[in-house]
């Protein structure tokens, strides 16, 4: 039996489908949203990683656990939620794996958990966690999500020290089909496709297809040595290049204006207030704008060597993602 936490998210939804294609029995721990699992032959255990009791029940008879459940926030005031889900929740998963005799844990960390500097050298698995050897003031300046993913990974490393067989994966910005919620990146694509983003910003990020991330994870489960860590990255593109790909796929003119990051950061508090007023998610926040300054060189050389990992062109991913959104009605109306 394989257990997937966070199965209703983008990676989880694609992973569950890939596991079912392999003919494997799948159990999912689901908190609330089950849209991504509708019609799938999976065993559902209601609960969440913050509650050890249902989590322990979900581990019964489980051989492999894929831990994807996590909270994501683009705000700087989200510390308590990030701590509860990404740190304490991961601690609960590790304990349940050890108590339940799980053979292997595949833990999804994040590129945001790794230190990006120096920016002129590629980010690889040798980079320290973002919270390593920092003062209290410096730690406080980190985005709560980034800090929580690093601390959650430390819970897995502590479990490895206690005998847990675990593999740690670091995806970059993931997008692709089966984005039911949708994700923050998916929301941005939808807004671009519907002409709802008036201006772009400078900067960019490393974007990766969810199908490639899932393929890498499945290989890591089988082939990776215990304690291994793998970056599952794709290709770095500017925001304007992504918008151009959306334009090519949808035939909608992309925004003409590109705002420097410094000006966008000055306007970020106003955009956050406006988003809260209308009940939407802001595309540009202090956190996302900081990310767009990060390292453009993210190496998946280790994954390519050990797991035969590959990353398809972003143009294909954008085209397929928008086609999925179109087929499922996401481009016909606003999703919040």
C-alpha atoms as a PDB file:
ATOM      1  CA  UNK A   1       0.000   0.000   0.000  1.00  0.00           C
ATOM      2  CA  UNK A   2       1.218   3.510  -0.865  1.00  0.00           C
ATOM      3  CA  UNK A   3       0.060   6.521   1.147  1.00  0.00           C
ATOM      4  CA  UNK A   4      -0.008  10.026  -0.321  1.00  0.00           C
ATOM      5  CA  UNK A   5      -0.476  13.076   1.885  1.00  0.00           C
ATOM      6  CA  UNK A   6      -1.447  16.272   0.101  1.00  0.00           C
ATOM      7  CA  UNK A   7      -3.114  14.276  -2.681  1.00  0.00           C
ATOM      8  CA  UNK A   8      -5.512  17.105  -3.537  1.00  0.00           C
ATOM      9  CA  UNK A   9      -2.715  19.462  -4.588  1.00  0.00           C
ATOM     10  CA  UNK A  10      -1.141  19.763  -8.023  1.00  0.00           C
ATOM     11  CA  UNK A  11       1.729  17.314  -7.489  1.00  0.00           C
ATOM     12  CA  UNK A  12      -0.381  14.979  -5.382  1.00  0.00           C
ATOM     13  CA  UNK A  13      -3.168  14.751  -7.967  1.00  0.00           C
ATOM     14  CA  UNK A  14      -0.701  13.864 -10.714  1.00  0.00           C
ATOM     15  CA  UNK A  15       1.227  11.463  -8.487  1.00  0.00           C
ATOM     16  CA  UNK A  16      -1.902   9.532  -7.460  1.00  0.00           C
ATOM     17  CA  UNK A  17      -2.834   9.075 -11.118  1.00  0.00           C
ATOM     18  CA  UNK A  18       0.670   7.857 -11.969  1.00  0.00           C
ATOM     19  CA  UNK A  19       0.599   5.359  -9.088  1.00  0.00           C
ATOM     20  CA  UNK A  20      -2.759   4.033 -10.258  1.00  0.00           C
ATOM     21  CA  UNK A  21      -1.415   3.612 -13.784  1.00  0.00           C
ATOM     22  CA  UNK A  22       1.285   1.406 -12.248  1.00  0.00           C
ATOM     23  CA  UNK A  23      -1.503  -0.731 -10.767  1.00  0.00           C
ATOM     24  CA  UNK A  24      -0.631   0.089  -7.179  1.00  0.00           C
ATOM     25  CA  UNK A  25      -3.154   0.334  -4.314  1.00  0.00           C
ATOM     26  CA  UNK A  26      -3.241   3.946  -3.124  1.00  0.00           C
ATOM     27  CA  UNK A  27      -4.436   5.444   0.134  1.00  0.00           C
ATOM     28  CA  UNK A  28      -4.776   9.196   0.555  1.00  0.00           C
ATOM     29  CA  UNK A  29      -4.970  11.346   3.664  1.00  0.00           C
ATOM     30  CA  UNK A  30      -7.403  14.135   2.813  1.00  0.00           C
ATOM     31  CA  UNK A  31      -8.195  17.175   4.913  1.00  0.00           C
ATOM     32  CA  UNK A  32     -11.014  18.919   3.017  1.00  0.00           C
ATOM     33  CA  UNK A  33     -10.780  19.356  -0.756  1.00  0.00           C
ATOM     34  CA  UNK A  34     -11.411  16.138  -2.714  1.00  0.00           C
ATOM     35  CA  UNK A  35     -11.977  17.532  -6.214  1.00  0.00           C
ATOM     36  CA  UNK A  36      -8.676  16.180  -7.499  1.00  0.00           C
ATOM     37  CA  UNK A  37      -9.629  12.640  -6.445  1.00  0.00           C
ATOM     38  CA  UNK A  38     -13.156  12.440  -7.863  1.00  0.00           C
ATOM     39  CA  UNK A  39     -13.723   9.156  -9.679  1.00  0.00           C
ATOM     40  CA  UNK A  40     -10.369   7.650  -8.707  1.00  0.00           C
ATOM     41  CA  UNK A  41     -10.072   4.190  -7.150  1.00  0.00           C
ATOM     42  CA  UNK A  42      -8.289   5.258  -3.978  1.00  0.00           C
ATOM     43  CA  UNK A  43      -8.853   4.635  -0.287  1.00  0.00           C
ATOM     44  CA  UNK A  44      -9.611   7.920   1.459  1.00  0.00           C
ATOM     45  CA  UNK A  45      -8.711   8.511   5.109  1.00  0.00           C
ATOM     46  CA  UNK A  46     -10.155  11.809   6.409  1.00  0.00           C
ATOM     47  CA  UNK A  47      -7.715  13.799   8.484  1.00  0.00           C
ATOM     48  CA  UNK A  48      -4.624  15.944   8.265  1.00  0.00           C
ATOM     49  CA  UNK A  49      -0.976  15.745   9.218  1.00  0.00           C
ATOM     50  CA  UNK A  50      -1.506  17.972  12.254  1.00  0.00           C
ATOM     51  CA  UNK A  51      -3.584  15.250  13.934  1.00  0.00           C
ATOM     52  CA  UNK A  52      -1.487  12.171  14.850  1.00  0.00           C
ATOM     53  CA  UNK A  53      -4.505   9.878  15.376  1.00  0.00           C
ATOM     54  CA  UNK A  54      -5.894   9.690  11.794  1.00  0.00           C
ATOM     55  CA  UNK A  55      -2.354   9.920  10.462  1.00  0.00           C
ATOM     56  CA  UNK A  56      -1.400   6.834  12.439  1.00  0.00           C
ATOM     57  CA  UNK A  57      -4.443   4.979  11.108  1.00  0.00           C
ATOM     58  CA  UNK A  58      -3.536   5.975   7.571  1.00  0.00           C
ATOM     59  CA  UNK A  59      -0.084   4.412   8.010  1.00  0.00           C
ATOM     60  CA  UNK A  60      -1.463   0.938   8.825  1.00  0.00           C
ATOM     61  CA  UNK A  61      -0.101  -1.589   6.349  1.00  0.00           C
ATOM     62  CA  UNK A  62       1.687   1.095   4.327  1.00  0.00           C
ATOM     63  CA  UNK A  63       4.964   0.336   2.569  1.00  0.00           C
ATOM     64  CA  UNK A  64       5.761   3.711   0.991  1.00  0.00           C
ATOM     65  CA  UNK A  65       4.707   7.243   1.969  1.00  0.00           C
ATOM     66  CA  UNK A  66       4.814  10.264  -0.301  1.00  0.00           C
ATOM     67  CA  UNK A  67       4.596  13.328   1.924  1.00  0.00           C
ATOM     68  CA  UNK A  68       3.300  16.310  -0.040  1.00  0.00           C
ATOM     69  CA  UNK A  69       0.876  17.878   2.427  1.00  0.00           C
ATOM     70  CA  UNK A  70       1.905  21.419   3.192  1.00  0.00           C
ATOM     71  CA  UNK A  71       0.737  24.972   3.612  1.00  0.00           C
ATOM     72  CA  UNK A  72       1.849  27.617   1.125  1.00  0.00           C
ATOM     73  CA  UNK A  73       1.643  31.335   1.721  1.00  0.00           C
ATOM     74  CA  UNK A  74       2.880  34.451  -0.054  1.00  0.00           C
ATOM     75  CA  UNK A  75       2.448  36.577   3.066  1.00  0.00           C
ATOM     76  CA  UNK A  76       4.957  37.510   5.752  1.00  0.00           C
ATOM     77  CA  UNK A  77       2.416  37.156   8.594  1.00  0.00           C
ATOM     78  CA  UNK A  78       1.678  33.451   8.016  1.00  0.00           C
ATOM     79  CA  UNK A  79       4.216  32.023  10.449  1.00  0.00           C
ATOM     80  CA  UNK A  80       1.880  30.096  12.789  1.00  0.00           C
ATOM     81  CA  UNK A  81       0.117  28.242   9.971  1.00  0.00           C
ATOM     82  CA  UNK A  82       3.400  27.421   8.223  1.00  0.00           C
ATOM     83  CA  UNK A  83       4.855  26.160  11.494  1.00  0.00           C
ATOM     84  CA  UNK A  84       1.833  23.986  12.287  1.00  0.00           C
ATOM     85  CA  UNK A  85       1.561  22.251   8.924  1.00  0.00           C
ATOM     86  CA  UNK A  86       5.042  22.267   7.415  1.00  0.00           C
ATOM     87  CA  UNK A  87       7.062  21.671  10.572  1.00  0.00           C
ATOM     88  CA  UNK A  88       4.895  19.974  13.200  1.00  0.00           C
ATOM     89  CA  UNK A  89       2.916  18.143  10.514  1.00  0.00           C
ATOM     90  CA  UNK A  90       6.117  16.756   9.032  1.00  0.00           C
ATOM     91  CA  UNK A  91       7.279  15.766  12.518  1.00  0.00           C
ATOM     92  CA  UNK A  92       4.044  13.793  12.885  1.00  0.00           C
ATOM     93  CA  UNK A  93       4.559  12.097   9.514  1.00  0.00           C
ATOM     94  CA  UNK A  94       8.105  11.091  10.429  1.00  0.00           C
ATOM     95  CA  UNK A  95       6.980   9.686  13.780  1.00  0.00           C
ATOM     96  CA  UNK A  96       4.114   7.765  12.163  1.00  0.00           C
ATOM     97  CA  UNK A  97       6.479   6.298   9.562  1.00  0.00           C
ATOM     98  CA  UNK A  98       8.885   5.131  12.250  1.00  0.00           C
ATOM     99  CA  UNK A  99       6.110   3.735  14.440  1.00  0.00           C
ATOM    100  CA  UNK A 100       4.372   2.055  11.497  1.00  0.00           C
ATOM    101  CA  UNK A 101       7.459   0.414  10.018  1.00  0.00           C
ATOM    102  CA  UNK A 102       7.173   2.242   6.681  1.00  0.00           C
ATOM    103  CA  UNK A 103       9.854   1.064   4.289  1.00  0.00           C
ATOM    104  CA  UNK A 104      10.458   4.405   2.549  1.00  0.00           C
ATOM    105  CA  UNK A 105       9.377   8.037   2.899  1.00  0.00           C
ATOM    106  CA  UNK A 106       9.598  10.323  -0.137  1.00  0.00           C
ATOM    107  CA  UNK A 107       9.511  13.841   1.292  1.00  0.00           C
ATOM    108  CA  UNK A 108       8.811  16.884  -0.840  1.00  0.00           C
ATOM    109  CA  UNK A 109      10.789  19.878   0.353  1.00  0.00           C
ATOM    110  CA  UNK A 110      11.180  22.964  -1.872  1.00  0.00           C
ATOM    111  CA  UNK A 111      13.820  24.942  -3.729  1.00  0.00           C
ATOM    112  CA  UNK A 112      12.854  27.727  -1.323  1.00  0.00           C
ATOM    113  CA  UNK A 113      14.353  25.718   1.542  1.00  0.00           C
ATOM    114  CA  UNK A 114      17.852  26.029   0.051  1.00  0.00           C
ATOM    115  CA  UNK A 115      20.120  29.053   0.255  1.00  0.00           C
ATOM    116  CA  UNK A 116      20.325  30.815  -3.102  1.00  0.00           C
ATOM    117  CA  UNK A 117      23.530  32.812  -2.651  1.00  0.00           C
ATOM    118  CA  UNK A 118      25.964  33.115  -4.284  1.00  0.00           C
ATOM    119  CA  UNK A 119      23.714  33.886  -7.239  1.00  0.00           C
ATOM    120  CA  UNK A 120      26.472  33.461  -9.829  1.00  0.00           C
ATOM    121  CA  UNK A 121      26.945  29.772  -8.990  1.00  0.00           C
ATOM    122  CA  UNK A 122      24.424  26.975  -9.667  1.00  0.00           C
ATOM    123  CA  UNK A 123      22.155  25.844  -6.857  1.00  0.00           C
ATOM    124  CA  UNK A 124      22.631  22.145  -6.233  1.00  0.00           C
ATOM    125  CA  UNK A 125      22.108  19.638  -3.439  1.00  0.00           C
ATOM    126  CA  UNK A 126      25.245  20.840  -1.651  1.00  0.00           C
ATOM    127  CA  UNK A 127      23.591  24.158  -0.768  1.00  0.00           C
ATOM    128  CA  UNK A 128      22.784  24.544   2.946  1.00  0.00           C
ATOM    129  CA  UNK A 129      19.257  25.007   4.191  1.00  0.00           C
ATOM    130  CA  UNK A 130      18.132  28.612   4.191  1.00  0.00           C
ATOM    131  CA  UNK A 131      18.071  28.887   7.986  1.00  0.00           C
ATOM    132  CA  UNK A 132      21.582  27.542   8.557  1.00  0.00           C
ATOM    133  CA  UNK A 133      23.885  29.645  10.754  1.00  0.00           C
ATOM    134  CA  UNK A 134      21.704  32.760  10.741  1.00  0.00           C
ATOM    135  CA  UNK A 135      21.156  35.275  13.511  1.00  0.00           C
ATOM    136  CA  UNK A 136      17.729  35.669  15.097  1.00  0.00           C
ATOM    137  CA  UNK A 137      17.187  38.907  13.170  1.00  0.00           C
ATOM    138  CA  UNK A 138      18.146  37.287   9.879  1.00  0.00           C
ATOM    139  CA  UNK A 139      15.851  34.338  10.544  1.00  0.00           C
ATOM    140  CA  UNK A 140      12.961  36.695  11.204  1.00  0.00           C
ATOM    141  CA  UNK A 141      13.488  38.340   7.815  1.00  0.00           C
ATOM    142  CA  UNK A 142      12.997  35.050   5.956  1.00  0.00           C
ATOM    143  CA  UNK A 143       9.622  34.309   4.409  1.00  0.00           C
ATOM    144  CA  UNK A 144       7.638  32.075   6.802  1.00  0.00           C
ATOM    145  CA  UNK A 145       7.064  29.506   4.044  1.00  0.00           C
ATOM    146  CA  UNK A 146      10.780  29.236   3.235  1.00  0.00           C
ATOM    147  CA  UNK A 147      11.723  28.966   6.889  1.00  0.00           C
ATOM    148  CA  UNK A 148       9.068  26.326   7.547  1.00  0.00           C
ATOM    149  CA  UNK A 149      10.147  24.148   4.624  1.00  0.00           C
ATOM    150  CA  UNK A 150      13.714  24.176   5.888  1.00  0.00           C
ATOM    151  CA  UNK A 151      12.609  23.303   9.409  1.00  0.00           C
ATOM    152  CA  UNK A 152      10.299  20.592   8.086  1.00  0.00           C
ATOM    153  CA  UNK A 153      13.210  19.070   6.230  1.00  0.00           C
ATOM    154  CA  UNK A 154      15.210  19.048   9.457  1.00  0.00           C
ATOM    155  CA  UNK A 155      12.452  16.893  10.960  1.00  0.00           C
ATOM    156  CA  UNK A 156      13.020  14.371   8.147  1.00  0.00           C
ATOM    157  CA  UNK A 157      16.781  14.486   8.664  1.00  0.00           C
ATOM    158  CA  UNK A 158      16.229  13.805  12.379  1.00  0.00           C
ATOM    159  CA  UNK A 159      14.083  10.826  11.392  1.00  0.00           C
ATOM    160  CA  UNK A 160      16.858   9.545   9.144  1.00  0.00           C
ATOM    161  CA  UNK A 161      19.207   9.711  12.132  1.00  0.00           C
ATOM    162  CA  UNK A 162      16.696   7.482  13.974  1.00  0.00           C
ATOM    163  CA  UNK A 163      16.708   4.881  11.201  1.00  0.00           C
ATOM    164  CA  UNK A 164      14.065   6.170   8.790  1.00  0.00           C
ATOM    165  CA  UNK A 165      14.676   5.395   5.113  1.00  0.00           C
ATOM    166  CA  UNK A 166      13.805   8.687   3.438  1.00  0.00           C
ATOM    167  CA  UNK A 167      14.515  10.555   0.213  1.00  0.00           C
ATOM    168  CA  UNK A 168      14.185  14.354  -0.050  1.00  0.00           C
ATOM    169  CA  UNK A 169      13.089  16.131  -3.238  1.00  0.00           C
ATOM    170  CA  UNK A 170      13.268  19.819  -4.141  1.00  0.00           C
ATOM    171  CA  UNK A 171      10.902  20.909  -6.927  1.00  0.00           C
ATOM    172  CA  UNK A 172      11.069  24.441  -8.288  1.00  0.00           C
ATOM    173  CA  UNK A 173       7.930  26.322  -9.458  1.00  0.00           C
ATOM    174  CA  UNK A 174       5.570  23.539 -10.512  1.00  0.00           C
ATOM    175  CA  UNK A 175       2.827  23.861 -13.098  1.00  0.00           C
ATOM    176  CA  UNK A 176       0.858  21.465 -15.254  1.00  0.00           C
ATOM    177  CA  UNK A 177      -2.475  19.682 -15.747  1.00  0.00           C
ATOM    178  CA  UNK A 178      -4.714  18.485 -12.885  1.00  0.00           C
ATOM    179  CA  UNK A 179      -4.317  21.768 -11.022  1.00  0.00           C
ATOM    180  CA  UNK A 180      -7.737  21.636  -9.387  1.00  0.00           C
ATOM    181  CA  UNK A 181      -7.441  24.236  -6.624  1.00  0.00           C
ATOM    182  CA  UNK A 182      -5.593  25.852  -8.584  1.00  0.00           C
ATOM    183  CA  UNK A 183      -2.065  26.551  -7.325  1.00  0.00           C
ATOM    184  CA  UNK A 184      -0.581  30.038  -7.091  1.00  0.00           C
ATOM    185  CA  UNK A 185       1.306  29.472 -10.357  1.00  0.00           C
ATOM    186  CA  UNK A 186      -1.855  28.100 -11.949  1.00  0.00           C
ATOM    187  CA  UNK A 187      -3.813  31.155 -10.806  1.00  0.00           C
ATOM    188  CA  UNK A 188      -1.212  33.412 -12.416  1.00  0.00           C
ATOM    189  CA  UNK A 189      -1.497  31.536 -15.719  1.00  0.00           C
ATOM    190  CA  UNK A 190      -5.279  31.800 -15.607  1.00  0.00           C
ATOM    191  CA  UNK A 191      -5.101  35.530 -14.959  1.00  0.00           C
ATOM    192  CA  UNK A 192      -2.651  35.988 -17.815  1.00  0.00           C
ATOM    193  CA  UNK A 193      -4.836  33.939 -20.159  1.00  0.00           C
ATOM    194  CA  UNK A 194      -7.900  35.979 -19.200  1.00  0.00           C
ATOM    195  CA  UNK A 195      -6.114  39.322 -19.510  1.00  0.00           C
ATOM    196  CA  UNK A 196      -6.455  40.070 -15.781  1.00  0.00           C
ATOM    197  CA  UNK A 197      -2.831  41.074 -15.114  1.00  0.00           C
ATOM    198  CA  UNK A 198      -2.318  44.701 -16.150  1.00  0.00           C
ATOM    199  CA  UNK A 199       1.480  44.728 -15.846  1.00  0.00           C
ATOM    200  CA  UNK A 200       4.375  42.313 -15.642  1.00  0.00           C
ATOM    201  CA  UNK A 201       7.481  42.591 -13.479  1.00  0.00           C
ATOM    202  CA  UNK A 202      11.123  42.019 -14.236  1.00  0.00           C
ATOM    203  CA  UNK A 203      12.826  38.897 -12.930  1.00  0.00           C
ATOM    204  CA  UNK A 204      12.056  35.234 -13.403  1.00  0.00           C
ATOM    205  CA  UNK A 205      12.154  31.782 -11.927  1.00  0.00           C
ATOM    206  CA  UNK A 206      12.867  28.139 -12.665  1.00  0.00           C
ATOM    207  CA  UNK A 207       9.646  26.459 -13.862  1.00  0.00           C
ATOM    208  CA  UNK A 208       9.083  22.707 -14.003  1.00  0.00           C
ATOM    209  CA  UNK A 209       6.331  20.444 -15.332  1.00  0.00           C
ATOM    210  CA  UNK A 210       4.429  18.468 -12.702  1.00  0.00           C
ATOM    211  CA  UNK A 211       4.620  15.353 -14.881  1.00  0.00           C
ATOM    212  CA  UNK A 212       8.421  15.511 -14.840  1.00  0.00           C
ATOM    213  CA  UNK A 213       8.445  16.028 -11.067  1.00  0.00           C
ATOM    214  CA  UNK A 214       6.210  12.981 -10.603  1.00  0.00           C
ATOM    215  CA  UNK A 215       8.378  10.857 -12.900  1.00  0.00           C
ATOM    216  CA  UNK A 216      11.443  11.884 -10.907  1.00  0.00           C
ATOM    217  CA  UNK A 217       9.728  11.089  -7.615  1.00  0.00           C
ATOM    218  CA  UNK A 218       8.675   7.621  -8.762  1.00  0.00           C
ATOM    219  CA  UNK A 219      12.225   6.863  -9.845  1.00  0.00           C
ATOM    220  CA  UNK A 220      13.596   8.215  -6.569  1.00  0.00           C
ATOM    221  CA  UNK A 221      11.320   5.882  -4.617  1.00  0.00           C
ATOM    222  CA  UNK A 222      12.834   2.854  -6.328  1.00  0.00           C
ATOM    223  CA  UNK A 223      16.379   3.870  -7.210  1.00  0.00           C
ATOM    224  CA  UNK A 224      17.618   6.506  -4.773  1.00  0.00           C
ATOM    225  CA  UNK A 225      19.842   5.497  -1.870  1.00  0.00           C
ATOM    226  CA  UNK A 226      18.542   6.182   1.626  1.00  0.00           C
ATOM    227  CA  UNK A 227      19.064   9.790   2.642  1.00  0.00           C
ATOM    228  CA  UNK A 228      19.546  11.042  -0.926  1.00  0.00           C
ATOM    229  CA  UNK A 229      18.480  14.574  -1.912  1.00  0.00           C
ATOM    230  CA  UNK A 230      17.484  15.615  -5.434  1.00  0.00           C
ATOM    231  CA  UNK A 231      16.667  18.908  -7.102  1.00  0.00           C
ATOM    232  CA  UNK A 232      13.853  18.462  -9.615  1.00  0.00           C
ATOM    233  CA  UNK A 233      14.147  21.659 -11.631  1.00  0.00           C
ATOM    234  CA  UNK A 234      13.152  22.668 -15.122  1.00  0.00           C
ATOM    235  CA  UNK A 235      14.119  25.815 -17.031  1.00  0.00           C
ATOM    236  CA  UNK A 236      14.618  29.428 -15.955  1.00  0.00           C
ATOM    237  CA  UNK A 237      12.431  31.973 -17.769  1.00  0.00           C
ATOM    238  CA  UNK A 238      11.516  35.579 -17.121  1.00  0.00           C
ATOM    239  CA  UNK A 239       7.937  36.514 -16.303  1.00  0.00           C
ATOM    240  CA  UNK A 240       7.721  38.242 -19.702  1.00  0.00           C
ATOM    241  CA  UNK A 241       8.822  35.033 -21.434  1.00  0.00           C
ATOM    242  CA  UNK A 242       6.131  33.078 -19.601  1.00  0.00           C
ATOM    243  CA  UNK A 243       3.549  35.677 -20.620  1.00  0.00           C
ATOM    244  CA  UNK A 244       4.727  35.363 -24.225  1.00  0.00           C
ATOM    245  CA  UNK A 245       4.174  31.583 -24.054  1.00  0.00           C
ATOM    246  CA  UNK A 246       0.652  32.156 -22.741  1.00  0.00           C
ATOM    247  CA  UNK A 247       0.078  34.625 -25.575  1.00  0.00           C
ATOM    248  CA  UNK A 248       1.286  32.057 -28.109  1.00  0.00           C
ATOM    249  CA  UNK A 249      -0.952  29.334 -26.677  1.00  0.00           C
ATOM    250  CA  UNK A 250      -4.069  31.473 -26.267  1.00  0.00           C
ATOM    251  CA  UNK A 251      -3.742  34.229 -28.840  1.00  0.00           C
ATOM    252  CA  UNK A 252      -4.299  36.922 -26.214  1.00  0.00           C
ATOM    253  CA  UNK A 253      -1.976  39.922 -26.204  1.00  0.00           C
ATOM    254  CA  UNK A 254       0.256  39.944 -23.134  1.00  0.00           C
ATOM    255  CA  UNK A 255       0.589  43.020 -20.922  1.00  0.00           C
ATOM    256  CA  UNK A 256       2.662  45.748 -22.538  1.00  0.00           C
ATOM    257  CA  UNK A 257       4.026  47.240 -19.321  1.00  0.00           C
ATOM    258  CA  UNK A 258       6.889  45.656 -17.359  1.00  0.00           C
ATOM    259  CA  UNK A 259       7.509  47.172 -13.931  1.00  0.00           C
ATOM    260  CA  UNK A 260      10.972  47.081 -12.296  1.00  0.00           C
ATOM    261  CA  UNK A 261      11.099  44.899  -9.194  1.00  0.00           C
ATOM    262  CA  UNK A 262      11.973  47.860  -6.975  1.00  0.00           C
ATOM    263  CA  UNK A 263       8.823  49.741  -7.939  1.00  0.00           C
ATOM    264  CA  UNK A 264       6.709  46.591  -7.651  1.00  0.00           C
ATOM    265  CA  UNK A 265       8.031  46.020  -4.125  1.00  0.00           C
ATOM    266  CA  UNK A 266       7.051  49.569  -3.169  1.00  0.00           C
ATOM    267  CA  UNK A 267       3.506  48.899  -4.410  1.00  0.00           C
ATOM    268  CA  UNK A 268       3.241  45.379  -2.936  1.00  0.00           C
ATOM    269  CA  UNK A 269       1.504  46.435   0.338  1.00  0.00           C
ATOM    270  CA  UNK A 270      -1.177  48.229  -1.666  1.00  0.00           C
ATOM    271  CA  UNK A 271      -1.724  45.216  -3.914  1.00  0.00           C
ATOM    272  CA  UNK A 272      -2.021  42.972  -0.850  1.00  0.00           C
ATOM    273  CA  UNK A 273      -4.680  45.251   0.665  1.00  0.00           C
ATOM    274  CA  UNK A 274      -6.620  45.330  -2.600  1.00  0.00           C
ATOM    275  CA  UNK A 275      -6.508  41.531  -2.843  1.00  0.00           C
ATOM    276  CA  UNK A 276      -7.802  41.126   0.691  1.00  0.00           C
ATOM    277  CA  UNK A 277     -10.572  43.620  -0.045  1.00  0.00           C
ATOM    278  CA  UNK A 278     -11.865  41.696  -3.088  1.00  0.00           C
ATOM    279  CA  UNK A 279     -11.154  38.231  -1.677  1.00  0.00           C
ATOM    280  CA  UNK A 280      -8.536  37.230  -4.249  1.00  0.00           C
ATOM    281  CA  UNK A 281      -4.905  36.125  -4.029  1.00  0.00           C
ATOM    282  CA  UNK A 282      -2.330  38.792  -4.920  1.00  0.00           C
ATOM    283  CA  UNK A 283       0.073  37.847  -7.708  1.00  0.00           C
ATOM    284  CA  UNK A 284       2.803  40.216  -6.528  1.00  0.00           C
ATOM    285  CA  UNK A 285       3.764  40.241  -2.863  1.00  0.00           C
ATOM    286  CA  UNK A 286       6.976  40.953  -1.008  1.00  0.00           C
ATOM    287  CA  UNK A 287       7.590  37.192  -0.941  1.00  0.00           C
ATOM    288  CA  UNK A 288       7.003  36.503  -4.645  1.00  0.00           C
ATOM    289  CA  UNK A 289       8.970  39.556  -5.725  1.00  0.00           C
ATOM    290  CA  UNK A 290      11.914  38.438  -3.591  1.00  0.00           C
ATOM    291  CA  UNK A 291      11.753  35.004  -5.226  1.00  0.00           C
ATOM    292  CA  UNK A 292      12.016  36.596  -8.679  1.00  0.00           C
ATOM    293  CA  UNK A 293      15.474  37.904  -7.706  1.00  0.00           C
ATOM    294  CA  UNK A 294      16.727  34.438  -6.840  1.00  0.00           C
ATOM    295  CA  UNK A 295      19.282  32.230  -8.542  1.00  0.00           C
ATOM    296  CA  UNK A 296      18.563  31.490 -12.195  1.00  0.00           C
ATOM    297  CA  UNK A 297      20.960  28.519 -12.236  1.00  0.00           C
ATOM    298  CA  UNK A 298      19.289  25.494 -10.623  1.00  0.00           C
ATOM    299  CA  UNK A 299      20.992  22.219 -11.449  1.00  0.00           C
ATOM    300  CA  UNK A 300      19.199  18.881 -11.735  1.00  0.00           C
ATOM    301  CA  UNK A 301      22.411  17.147 -12.838  1.00  0.00           C
ATOM    302  CA  UNK A 302      22.323  14.696  -9.938  1.00  0.00           C
ATOM    303  CA  UNK A 303      18.728  13.689 -10.690  1.00  0.00           C
ATOM    304  CA  UNK A 304      19.555  13.327 -14.383  1.00  0.00           C
ATOM    305  CA  UNK A 305      22.503  11.073 -13.567  1.00  0.00           C
ATOM    306  CA  UNK A 306      20.882   8.935 -10.867  1.00  0.00           C
ATOM    307  CA  UNK A 307      17.233   8.922 -11.949  1.00  0.00           C
ATOM    308  CA  UNK A 308      17.402   9.585 -15.708  1.00  0.00           C
ATOM    309  CA  UNK A 309      15.434  12.728 -14.911  1.00  0.00           C
ATOM    310  CA  UNK A 310      14.519  15.090 -17.748  1.00  0.00           C
ATOM    311  CA  UNK A 311      12.592  18.359 -17.940  1.00  0.00           C
ATOM    312  CA  UNK A 312      10.432  19.123 -20.974  1.00  0.00           C
ATOM    313  CA  UNK A 313      10.347  22.607 -22.549  1.00  0.00           C
ATOM    314  CA  UNK A 314       8.233  25.165 -20.722  1.00  0.00           C
ATOM    315  CA  UNK A 315       6.312  25.975 -23.901  1.00  0.00           C
ATOM    316  CA  UNK A 316       4.861  22.469 -23.929  1.00  0.00           C
ATOM    317  CA  UNK A 317       3.950  22.704 -20.244  1.00  0.00           C
ATOM    318  CA  UNK A 318       2.202  26.064 -20.624  1.00  0.00           C
ATOM    319  CA  UNK A 319       0.281  24.836 -23.661  1.00  0.00           C
ATOM    320  CA  UNK A 320      -0.863  21.621 -21.948  1.00  0.00           C
ATOM    321  CA  UNK A 321      -1.727  23.410 -18.699  1.00  0.00           C
ATOM    322  CA  UNK A 322      -3.868  26.014 -20.413  1.00  0.00           C
ATOM    323  CA  UNK A 323      -5.578  23.298 -22.470  1.00  0.00           C
ATOM    324  CA  UNK A 324      -6.456  21.485 -19.227  1.00  0.00           C
ATOM    325  CA  UNK A 325      -7.748  24.699 -17.642  1.00  0.00           C
ATOM    326  CA  UNK A 326      -9.835  25.352 -20.749  1.00  0.00           C
ATOM    327  CA  UNK A 327     -11.288  21.835 -20.822  1.00  0.00           C
ATOM    328  CA  UNK A 328     -12.232  22.045 -17.146  1.00  0.00           C
ATOM    329  CA  UNK A 329     -13.831  25.492 -17.237  1.00  0.00           C
ATOM    330  CA  UNK A 330     -11.185  27.460 -15.393  1.00  0.00           C
ATOM    331  CA  UNK A 331     -10.722  30.008 -18.152  1.00  0.00           C
ATOM    332  CA  UNK A 332     -14.437  30.713 -18.467  1.00  0.00           C
ATOM    333  CA  UNK A 333     -14.815  32.227 -15.008  1.00  0.00           C
ATOM    334  CA  UNK A 334     -12.764  33.598 -12.136  1.00  0.00           C
ATOM    335  CA  UNK A 335     -11.518  31.005  -9.634  1.00  0.00           C
ATOM    336  CA  UNK A 336     -10.501  32.099  -6.158  1.00  0.00           C
END
